[in-house]
Amino acid sequence: MATHGTPAEKNTAHDTPDVRTERRRLLALRTVIRLLVAGCLAAVGVAVWQLPGHPVLAGVYVGLASVCVAGIGVCVTLYLYLRRDGARGAAASEPDA
C-alpha cells in the first residue's frame, strides 16, 4: 500500500484532524517568527549601514525594526498560548490510569 505525504504527515497519521491543524498552526507561527527575526536583523543592519550618510533614513529602518520586535512579541505570545492550550487538550483527552 502506497502512502502519500511528507514524513511529518506520515508520523501524524494517527492524530485527529484537530491535532494536525494545531500542529500546522504552530509551524506557521514558528515560520512567521523566524521571518520577523530575519527582517528585524536586516533592518538593524541597514540602519547601521545608512547611519553615516542618511541619518533620517536610518531612523526609518530603526522604526521598522521596532515594529518587527513588536510583531515577534505578539507571535511568541500567541505561539506559547496555543502550545500550552494544545498540551492541556492532549492531557485532558488521555484516560487516567
PDB file of N, CA and C in Angstrom:
ATOM      1  N   MET A   1       0.844  -1.174   0.000  1.00  0.00           N
ATOM      2  CA  MET A   1       0.000   0.000   0.000  1.00  0.00           C
ATOM      3  C   MET A   1       0.892   1.241   0.000  1.00  0.00           C
ATOM      4  N   ALA A   2       0.652   2.115  -0.919  1.00  0.00           N
ATOM      5  CA  ALA A   2       1.455   3.334  -1.034  1.00  0.00           C
ATOM      6  C   ALA A   2       0.907   4.397  -0.083  1.00  0.00           C
ATOM      7  N   THR A   3       1.835   5.073   0.559  1.00  0.00           N
ATOM      8  CA  THR A   3       1.431   6.185   1.420  1.00  0.00           C
ATOM      9  C   THR A   3       1.880   7.478   0.779  1.00  0.00           C
ATOM     10  N   HIS A   4       1.113   8.505   0.962  1.00  0.00           N
ATOM     11  CA  HIS A   4       1.405   9.804   0.376  1.00  0.00           C
ATOM     12  C   HIS A   4       1.649  10.809   1.483  1.00  0.00           C
ATOM     13  N   GLY A   5       2.393  11.847   1.160  1.00  0.00           N
ATOM     14  CA  GLY A   5       2.629  12.918   2.116  1.00  0.00           C
ATOM     15  C   GLY A   5       4.065  12.940   2.605  1.00  0.00           C
ATOM     16  N   THR A   6       4.370  13.966   3.314  1.00  0.00           N
ATOM     17  CA  THR A   6       5.714  14.133   3.852  1.00  0.00           C
ATOM     18  C   THR A   6       5.902  13.222   5.060  1.00  0.00           C
ATOM     19  N   PRO A   7       7.146  13.000   5.482  1.00  0.00           N
ATOM     20  CA  PRO A   7       7.363  12.184   6.680  1.00  0.00           C
ATOM     21  C   PRO A   7       6.653  12.750   7.918  1.00  0.00           C
ATOM     22  N   ALA A   8       6.580  14.065   8.012  1.00  0.00           N
ATOM     23  CA  ALA A   8       5.875  14.654   9.156  1.00  0.00           C
ATOM     24  C   ALA A   8       4.399  14.285   9.140  1.00  0.00           C
ATOM     25  N   GLU A   9       3.802  14.273   7.947  1.00  0.00           N
ATOM     26  CA  GLU A   9       2.397  13.896   7.850  1.00  0.00           C
ATOM     27  C   GLU A   9       2.209  12.404   8.132  1.00  0.00           C
ATOM     28  N   LYS A  10       3.163  11.583   7.721  1.00  0.00           N
ATOM     29  CA  LYS A  10       3.051  10.155   7.980  1.00  0.00           C
ATOM     30  C   LYS A  10       3.136   9.862   9.476  1.00  0.00           C
ATOM     31  N   ASN A  11       3.955  10.625  10.189  1.00  0.00           N
ATOM     32  CA  ASN A  11       4.084  10.406  11.626  1.00  0.00           C
ATOM     33  C   ASN A  11       2.835  10.835  12.381  1.00  0.00           C
ATOM     34  N   THR A  12       2.027  11.683  11.786  1.00  0.00           N
ATOM     35  CA  THR A  12       0.824  12.155  12.462  1.00  0.00           C
ATOM     36  C   THR A  12      -0.431  11.481  11.917  1.00  0.00           C
ATOM     37  N   ALA A  13      -0.271  10.345  11.251  1.00  0.00           N
ATOM     38  CA  ALA A  13      -1.426   9.668  10.662  1.00  0.00           C
ATOM     39  C   ALA A  13      -2.421   9.222  11.716  1.00  0.00           C
ATOM     40  N   HIS A  14      -1.949   8.952  12.924  1.00  0.00           N
ATOM     41  CA  HIS A  14      -2.844   8.503  13.974  1.00  0.00           C
ATOM     42  C   HIS A  14      -3.531   9.651  14.701  1.00  0.00           C
ATOM     43  N   ASP A  15      -3.098  10.884  14.449  1.00  0.00           N
ATOM     44  CA  ASP A  15      -3.695  12.039  15.110  1.00  0.00           C
ATOM     45  C   ASP A  15      -5.030  12.392  14.475  1.00  0.00           C
ATOM     46  N   THR A  16      -5.838  13.075  15.240  1.00  0.00           N
ATOM     47  CA  THR A  16      -7.107  13.564  14.721  1.00  0.00           C
ATOM     48  C   THR A  16      -6.842  14.782  13.852  1.00  0.00           C
ATOM     49  N   PRO A  17      -7.779  15.149  13.001  1.00  0.00           N
ATOM     50  CA  PRO A  17      -7.582  16.343  12.171  1.00  0.00           C
ATOM     51  C   PRO A  17      -7.354  17.612  12.996  1.00  0.00           C
ATOM     52  N   ASP A  18      -7.959  17.701  14.174  1.00  0.00           N
ATOM     53  CA  ASP A  18      -7.770  18.880  15.015  1.00  0.00           C
ATOM     54  C   ASP A  18      -6.322  18.991  15.481  1.00  0.00           C
ATOM     55  N   VAL A  19      -5.705  17.863  15.813  1.00  0.00           N
ATOM     56  CA  VAL A  19      -4.319  17.882  16.273  1.00  0.00           C
ATOM     57  C   VAL A  19      -3.403  18.283  15.124  1.00  0.00           C
ATOM     58  N   ARG A  20      -3.677  17.764  13.941  1.00  0.00           N
ATOM     59  CA  ARG A  20      -2.863  18.138  12.781  1.00  0.00           C
ATOM     60  C   ARG A  20      -3.012  19.616  12.456  1.00  0.00           C
ATOM     61  N   THR A  21      -4.224  20.127  12.556  1.00  0.00           N
ATOM     62  CA  THR A  21      -4.447  21.554  12.312  1.00  0.00           C
ATOM     63  C   THR A  21      -3.691  22.387  13.327  1.00  0.00           C
ATOM     64  N   GLU A  22      -3.707  21.960  14.566  1.00  0.00           N
ATOM     65  CA  GLU A  22      -2.986  22.691  15.615  1.00  0.00           C
ATOM     66  C   GLU A  22      -1.485  22.667  15.356  1.00  0.00           C
ATOM     67  N   ARG A  23      -0.967  21.536  14.915  1.00  0.00           N
ATOM     68  CA  ARG A  23       0.468  21.455  14.596  1.00  0.00           C
ATOM     69  C   ARG A  23       0.824  22.358  13.425  1.00  0.00           C
ATOM     70  N   ARG A  24      -0.051  22.419  12.443  1.00  0.00           N
ATOM     71  CA  ARG A  24       0.203  23.296  11.297  1.00  0.00           C
ATOM     72  C   ARG A  24       0.175  24.764  11.724  1.00  0.00           C
ATOM     73  N   ARG A  25      -0.723  25.111  12.612  1.00  0.00           N
ATOM     74  CA  ARG A  25      -0.766  26.491  13.107  1.00  0.00           C
ATOM     75  C   ARG A  25       0.523  26.838  13.845  1.00  0.00           C
ATOM     76  N   LEU A  26       0.988  25.924  14.676  1.00  0.00           N
ATOM     77  CA  LEU A  26       2.226  26.180  15.407  1.00  0.00           C
ATOM     78  C   LEU A  26       3.410  26.286  14.448  1.00  0.00           C
ATOM     79  N   LEU A  27       3.431  25.446  13.432  1.00  0.00           N
ATOM     80  CA  LEU A  27       4.509  25.507  12.443  1.00  0.00           C
ATOM     81  C   LEU A  27       4.466  26.836  11.686  1.00  0.00           C
ATOM     82  N   ALA A  28       3.273  27.283  11.327  1.00  0.00           N
ATOM     83  CA  ALA A  28       3.141  28.560  10.624  1.00  0.00           C
ATOM     84  C   ALA A  28       3.594  29.715  11.517  1.00  0.00           C
ATOM     85  N   LEU A  29       3.250  29.667  12.797  1.00  0.00           N
ATOM     86  CA  LEU A  29       3.693  30.721  13.711  1.00  0.00           C
ATOM     87  C   LEU A  29       5.209  30.712  13.879  1.00  0.00           C
ATOM     88  N   ARG A  30       5.803  29.532  13.970  1.00  0.00           N
ATOM     89  CA  ARG A  30       7.270  29.464  14.065  1.00  0.00           C
ATOM     90  C   ARG A  30       7.918  30.060  12.824  1.00  0.00           C
ATOM     91  N   THR A  31       7.338  29.804  11.661  1.00  0.00           N
ATOM     92  CA  THR A  31       7.863  30.353  10.423  1.00  0.00           C
ATOM     93  C   THR A  31       7.754  31.874  10.404  1.00  0.00           C
ATOM     94  N   VAL A  32       6.624  32.402  10.848  1.00  0.00           N
ATOM     95  CA  VAL A  32       6.438  33.849  10.898  1.00  0.00           C
ATOM     96  C   VAL A  32       7.417  34.478  11.883  1.00  0.00           C
ATOM     97  N   ILE A  33       7.634  33.832  13.010  1.00  0.00           N
ATOM     98  CA  ILE A  33       8.588  34.356  13.998  1.00  0.00           C
ATOM     99  C   ILE A  33       9.986  34.419  13.389  1.00  0.00           C
ATOM    100  N   ARG A  34      10.382  33.380  12.686  1.00  0.00           N
ATOM    101  CA  ARG A  34      11.710  33.370  12.056  1.00  0.00           C
ATOM    102  C   ARG A  34      11.841  34.460  11.003  1.00  0.00           C
ATOM    103  N   LEU A  35      10.789  34.671  10.221  1.00  0.00           N
ATOM    104  CA  LEU A  35      10.822  35.727   9.215  1.00  0.00           C
ATOM    105  C   LEU A  35      10.899  37.107   9.858  1.00  0.00           C
ATOM    106  N   LEU A  36      10.171  37.303  10.950  1.00  0.00           N
ATOM    107  CA  LEU A  36      10.230  38.590  11.641  1.00  0.00           C
ATOM    108  C   LEU A  36      11.601  38.840  12.251  1.00  0.00           C
ATOM    109  N   VAL A  37      12.211  37.803  12.794  1.00  0.00           N
ATOM    110  CA  VAL A  37      13.564  37.958  13.346  1.00  0.00           C
ATOM    111  C   VAL A  37      14.541  38.308  12.224  1.00  0.00           C
ATOM    112  N   ALA A  38      14.428  37.654  11.095  1.00  0.00           N
ATOM    113  CA  ALA A  38      15.301  37.962   9.965  1.00  0.00           C
ATOM    114  C   ALA A  38      15.077  39.386   9.475  1.00  0.00           C
ATOM    115  N   GLY A  39      13.821  39.797   9.401  1.00  0.00           N
ATOM    116  CA  GLY A  39      13.512  41.163   8.980  1.00  0.00           C
ATOM    117  C   GLY A  39      14.035  42.196   9.957  1.00  0.00           C
ATOM    118  N   CYS A  40      13.937  41.900  11.233  1.00  0.00           N
ATOM    119  CA  CYS A  40      14.447  42.808  12.260  1.00  0.00           C
ATOM    120  C   CYS A  40      15.956  42.951  12.151  1.00  0.00           C
ATOM    121  N   LEU A  41      16.645  41.837  12.010  1.00  0.00           N
ATOM    122  CA  LEU A  41      18.103  41.893  11.877  1.00  0.00           C
ATOM    123  C   LEU A  41      18.531  42.621  10.608  1.00  0.00           C
ATOM    124  N   ALA A  42      17.799  42.410   9.535  1.00  0.00           N
ATOM    125  CA  ALA A  42      18.116  43.105   8.285  1.00  0.00           C
ATOM    126  C   ALA A  42      17.887  44.606   8.433  1.00  0.00           C
ATOM    127  N   ALA A  43      16.801  44.991   9.086  1.00  0.00           N
ATOM    128  CA  ALA A  43      16.510  46.414   9.278  1.00  0.00           C
ATOM    129  C   ALA A  43      17.571  47.081  10.146  1.00  0.00           C
ATOM    130  N   VAL A  44      18.009  46.394  11.180  1.00  0.00           N
ATOM    131  CA  VAL A  44      19.074  46.951  12.028  1.00  0.00           C
ATOM    132  C   VAL A  44      20.367  47.072  11.234  1.00  0.00           C
ATOM    133  N   GLY A  45      20.689  46.069  10.435  1.00  0.00           N
ATOM    134  CA  GLY A  45      21.898  46.124   9.614  1.00  0.00           C
ATOM    135  C   GLY A  45      21.868  47.267   8.619  1.00  0.00           C
ATOM    136  N   VAL A  46      20.732  47.472   7.967  1.00  0.00           N
ATOM    137  CA  VAL A  46      20.607  48.563   7.011  1.00  0.00           C
ATOM    138  C   VAL A  46      20.662  49.903   7.736  1.00  0.00           C
ATOM    139  N   ALA A  47      20.072  49.979   8.914  1.00  0.00           N
ATOM    140  CA  ALA A  47      20.119  51.225   9.689  1.00  0.00           C
ATOM    141  C   ALA A  47      21.551  51.586  10.045  1.00  0.00           C
ATOM    142  N   VAL A  48      22.325  50.616  10.468  1.00  0.00           N
ATOM    143  CA  VAL A  48      23.731  50.877  10.797  1.00  0.00           C
ATOM    144  C   VAL A  48      24.496  51.282   9.538  1.00  0.00           C
ATOM    145  N   TRP A  49      24.187  50.660   8.420  1.00  0.00           N
ATOM    146  CA  TRP A  49      24.854  50.962   7.165  1.00  0.00           C
ATOM    147  C   TRP A  49      24.505  52.373   6.686  1.00  0.00           C
ATOM    148  N   GLN A  50      23.248  52.806   6.886  1.00  0.00           N
ATOM    149  CA  GLN A  50      22.789  54.107   6.419  1.00  0.00           C
ATOM    150  C   GLN A  50      23.127  55.247   7.382  1.00  0.00           C
ATOM    151  N   LEU A  51      23.504  54.930   8.592  1.00  0.00           N
ATOM    152  CA  LEU A  51      23.686  55.953   9.623  1.00  0.00           C
ATOM    153  C   LEU A  51      24.679  57.054   9.236  1.00  0.00           C
ATOM    154  N   PRO A  52      25.856  56.748   8.697  1.00  0.00           N
ATOM    155  CA  PRO A  52      26.789  57.843   8.389  1.00  0.00           C
ATOM    156  C   PRO A  52      26.282  58.789   7.296  1.00  0.00           C
ATOM    157  N   GLY A  53      25.629  58.268   6.284  1.00  0.00           N
ATOM    158  CA  GLY A  53      25.223  59.093   5.147  1.00  0.00           C
ATOM    159  C   GLY A  53      23.826  59.680   5.246  1.00  0.00           C
ATOM    160  N   HIS A  54      22.898  58.904   5.779  1.00  0.00           N
ATOM    161  CA  HIS A  54      21.489  59.315   5.806  1.00  0.00           C
ATOM    162  C   HIS A  54      20.885  58.990   7.174  1.00  0.00           C
ATOM    163  N   PRO A  55      21.089  59.843   8.152  1.00  0.00           N
ATOM    164  CA  PRO A  55      20.600  59.512   9.495  1.00  0.00           C
ATOM    165  C   PRO A  55      19.074  59.431   9.586  1.00  0.00           C
ATOM    166  N   VAL A  56      18.358  60.201   8.766  1.00  0.00           N
ATOM    167  CA  VAL A  56      16.892  60.134   8.810  1.00  0.00           C
ATOM    168  C   VAL A  56      16.413  58.783   8.284  1.00  0.00           C
ATOM    169  N   LEU A  57      17.019  58.334   7.205  1.00  0.00           N
ATOM    170  CA  LEU A  57      16.665  57.029   6.650  1.00  0.00           C
ATOM    171  C   LEU A  57      17.013  55.910   7.633  1.00  0.00           C
ATOM    172  N   ALA A  58      18.119  56.078   8.341  1.00  0.00           N
ATOM    173  CA  ALA A  58      18.488  55.094   9.365  1.00  0.00           C
ATOM    174  C   ALA A  58      17.420  55.050  10.457  1.00  0.00           C
ATOM    175  N   GLY A  59      16.867  56.203  10.801  1.00  0.00           N
ATOM    176  CA  GLY A  59      15.782  56.244  11.789  1.00  0.00           C
ATOM    177  C   GLY A  59      14.539  55.505  11.322  1.00  0.00           C
ATOM    178  N   VAL A  60      14.274  55.595  10.030  1.00  0.00           N
ATOM    179  CA  VAL A  60      13.131  54.862   9.468  1.00  0.00           C
ATOM    180  C   VAL A  60      13.347  53.361   9.622  1.00  0.00           C
ATOM    181  N   TYR A  61      14.560  52.906   9.356  1.00  0.00           N
ATOM    182  CA  TYR A  61      14.849  51.476   9.484  1.00  0.00           C
ATOM    183  C   TYR A  61      14.827  51.024  10.947  1.00  0.00           C
ATOM    184  N   VAL A  62      15.227  51.892  11.848  1.00  0.00           N
ATOM    185  CA  VAL A  62      15.126  51.553  13.270  1.00  0.00           C
ATOM    186  C   VAL A  62      13.655  51.431  13.668  1.00  0.00           C
ATOM    187  N   GLY A  63      12.819  52.310  13.141  1.00  0.00           N
ATOM    188  CA  GLY A  63      11.374  52.193  13.386  1.00  0.00           C
ATOM    189  C   GLY A  63      10.810  50.900  12.835  1.00  0.00           C
ATOM    190  N   LEU A  64      11.263  50.507  11.652  1.00  0.00           N
ATOM    191  CA  LEU A  64      10.831  49.230  11.070  1.00  0.00           C
ATOM    192  C   LEU A  64      11.267  48.059  11.942  1.00  0.00           C
ATOM    193  N   ALA A  65      12.482  48.145  12.467  1.00  0.00           N
ATOM    194  CA  ALA A  65      12.964  47.081  13.353  1.00  0.00           C
ATOM    195  C   ALA A  65      12.121  47.010  14.619  1.00  0.00           C
ATOM    196  N   SER A  66      11.701  48.150  15.142  1.00  0.00           N
ATOM    197  CA  SER A  66      10.879  48.127  16.360  1.00  0.00           C
ATOM    198  C   SER A  66       9.507  47.525  16.083  1.00  0.00           C
ATOM    199  N   VAL A  67       8.975  47.754  14.887  1.00  0.00           N
ATOM    200  CA  VAL A  67       7.705  47.121  14.518  1.00  0.00           C
ATOM    201  C   VAL A  67       7.888  45.611  14.430  1.00  0.00           C
ATOM    202  N   CYS A  68       9.012  45.172  13.889  1.00  0.00           N
ATOM    203  CA  CYS A  68       9.293  43.733  13.819  1.00  0.00           C
ATOM    204  C   CYS A  68       9.400  43.135  15.219  1.00  0.00           C
ATOM    205  N   VAL A  69      10.040  43.859  16.134  1.00  0.00           N
ATOM    206  CA  VAL A  69      10.167  43.354  17.506  1.00  0.00           C
ATOM    207  C   VAL A  69       8.788  43.238  18.155  1.00  0.00           C
ATOM    208  N   ALA A  70       7.924  44.206  17.916  1.00  0.00           N
ATOM    209  CA  ALA A  70       6.562  44.123  18.461  1.00  0.00           C
ATOM    210  C   ALA A  70       5.813  42.929  17.867  1.00  0.00           C
ATOM    211  N   GLY A  71       5.985  42.705  16.572  1.00  0.00           N
ATOM    212  CA  GLY A  71       5.347  41.549  15.933  1.00  0.00           C
ATOM    213  C   GLY A  71       5.876  40.238  16.475  1.00  0.00           C
ATOM    214  N   ILE A  72       7.181  40.194  16.761  1.00  0.00           N
ATOM    215  CA  ILE A  72       7.768  38.989  17.346  1.00  0.00           C
ATOM    216  C   ILE A  72       7.147  38.725  18.710  1.00  0.00           C
ATOM    217  N   GLY A  73       6.992  39.770  19.499  1.00  0.00           N
ATOM    218  CA  GLY A  73       6.383  39.604  20.826  1.00  0.00           C
ATOM    219  C   GLY A  73       4.966  39.065  20.747  1.00  0.00           C
ATOM    220  N   VAL A  74       4.196  39.579  19.812  1.00  0.00           N
ATOM    221  CA  VAL A  74       2.816  39.104  19.647  1.00  0.00           C
ATOM    222  C   VAL A  74       2.802  37.648  19.200  1.00  0.00           C
ATOM    223  N   CYS A  75       3.623  37.317  18.215  1.00  0.00           N
ATOM    224  CA  CYS A  75       3.636  35.945  17.690  1.00  0.00           C
ATOM    225  C   CYS A  75       4.144  34.938  18.723  1.00  0.00           C
ATOM    226  N   VAL A  76       5.170  35.309  19.483  1.00  0.00           N
ATOM    227  CA  VAL A  76       5.683  34.387  20.502  1.00  0.00           C
ATOM    228  C   VAL A  76       4.644  34.177  21.593  1.00  0.00           C
ATOM    229  N   THR A  77       3.967  35.246  21.989  1.00  0.00           N
ATOM    230  CA  THR A  77       2.908  35.109  22.996  1.00  0.00           C
ATOM    231  C   THR A  77       1.803  34.189  22.494  1.00  0.00           C
ATOM    232  N   LEU A  78       1.375  34.382  21.263  1.00  0.00           N
ATOM    233  CA  LEU A  78       0.332  33.536  20.683  1.00  0.00           C
ATOM    234  C   LEU A  78       0.811  32.097  20.551  1.00  0.00           C
ATOM    235  N   TYR A  79       2.063  31.902  20.133  1.00  0.00           N
ATOM    236  CA  TYR A  79       2.623  30.560  19.991  1.00  0.00           C
ATOM    237  C   TYR A  79       2.636  29.834  21.335  1.00  0.00           C
ATOM    238  N   LEU A  80       3.121  30.510  22.366  1.00  0.00           N
ATOM    239  CA  LEU A  80       3.184  29.871  23.684  1.00  0.00           C
ATOM    240  C   LEU A  80       1.792  29.572  24.213  1.00  0.00           C
ATOM    241  N   TYR A  81       0.844  30.460  23.960  1.00  0.00           N
ATOM    242  CA  TYR A  81      -0.530  30.229  24.407  1.00  0.00           C
ATOM    243  C   TYR A  81      -1.138  29.021  23.693  1.00  0.00           C
ATOM    244  N   LEU A  82      -0.955  28.948  22.376  1.00  0.00           N
ATOM    245  CA  LEU A  82      -1.524  27.823  21.630  1.00  0.00           C
ATOM    246  C   LEU A  82      -0.851  26.510  21.990  1.00  0.00           C
ATOM    247  N   ARG A  83       0.450  26.553  22.211  1.00  0.00           N
ATOM    248  CA  ARG A  83       1.158  25.331  22.583  1.00  0.00           C
ATOM    249  C   ARG A  83       0.699  24.834  23.947  1.00  0.00           C
ATOM    250  N   ARG A  84       0.543  25.752  24.893  1.00  0.00           N
ATOM    251  CA  ARG A  84       0.081  25.365  26.224  1.00  0.00           C
ATOM    252  C   ARG A  84      -1.359  24.861  26.158  1.00  0.00           C
ATOM    253  N   ASP A  85      -2.187  25.534  25.379  1.00  0.00           N
ATOM    254  CA  ASP A  85      -3.576  25.122  25.244  1.00  0.00           C
ATOM    255  C   ASP A  85      -3.674  23.745  24.596  1.00  0.00           C
ATOM    256  N   GLY A  86      -2.810  23.474  23.608  1.00  0.00           N
ATOM    257  CA  GLY A  86      -2.793  22.155  22.974  1.00  0.00           C
ATOM    258  C   GLY A  86      -2.338  21.081  23.933  1.00  0.00           C
ATOM    259  N   ALA A  87      -1.386  21.400  24.801  1.00  0.00           N
ATOM    260  CA  ALA A  87      -0.912  20.432  25.784  1.00  0.00           C
ATOM    261  C   ALA A  87      -2.007  20.117  26.792  1.00  0.00           C
ATOM    262  N   ARG A  88      -2.758  21.125  27.161  1.00  0.00           N
ATOM    263  CA  ARG A  88      -3.881  20.892  28.078  1.00  0.00           C
ATOM    264  C   ARG A  88      -4.929  19.998  27.453  1.00  0.00           C
ATOM    265  N   GLY A  89      -5.212  20.240  26.164  1.00  0.00           N
ATOM    266  CA  GLY A  89      -6.202  19.426  25.466  1.00  0.00           C
ATOM    267  C   GLY A  89      -5.752  17.984  25.342  1.00  0.00           C
ATOM    268  N   ALA A  90      -4.474  17.764  25.106  1.00  0.00           N
ATOM    269  CA  ALA A  90      -3.936  16.405  24.992  1.00  0.00           C
ATOM    270  C   ALA A  90      -3.976  15.708  26.339  1.00  0.00           C
ATOM    271  N   ALA A  91      -3.666  16.445  27.406  1.00  0.00           N
ATOM    272  CA  ALA A  91      -3.686  15.859  28.737  1.00  0.00           C
ATOM    273  C   ALA A  91      -5.116  15.539  29.167  1.00  0.00           C
ATOM    274  N   ALA A  92      -6.048  16.361  28.749  1.00  0.00           N
ATOM    275  CA  ALA A  92      -7.447  16.123  29.124  1.00  0.00           C
ATOM    276  C   ALA A  92      -8.037  14.930  28.380  1.00  0.00           C
ATOM    277  N   SER A  93      -7.546  14.662  27.152  1.00  0.00           N
ATOM    278  CA  SER A  93      -8.102  13.564  26.378  1.00  0.00           C
ATOM    279  C   SER A  93      -7.518  12.209  26.754  1.00  0.00           C
ATOM    280  N   GLU A  94      -6.383  12.188  27.487  1.00  0.00           N
ATOM    281  CA  GLU A  94      -5.793  10.929  27.896  1.00  0.00           C
ATOM    282  C   GLU A  94      -6.563  10.366  29.103  1.00  0.00           C
ATOM    283  N   PRO A  95      -6.858   9.080  29.043  1.00  0.00           N
ATOM    284  CA  PRO A  95      -7.572   8.486  30.185  1.00  0.00           C
ATOM    285  C   PRO A  95      -6.637   8.336  31.384  1.00  0.00           C
ATOM    286  N   ASP A  96      -7.190   8.490  32.562  1.00  0.00           N
ATOM    287  CA  ASP A  96      -6.404   8.319  33.789  1.00  0.00           C
ATOM    288  C   ASP A  96      -6.185   6.837  34.059  1.00  0.00           C
ATOM    289  N   ALA A  97      -5.014   6.515  34.556  1.00  0.00           N
ATOM    290  CA  ALA A  97      -4.680   5.107  34.823  1.00  0.00           C
ATOM    291  C   ALA A  97      -5.191   4.679  36.185  1.00  0.00           C
TER     292      ALA A  97
END
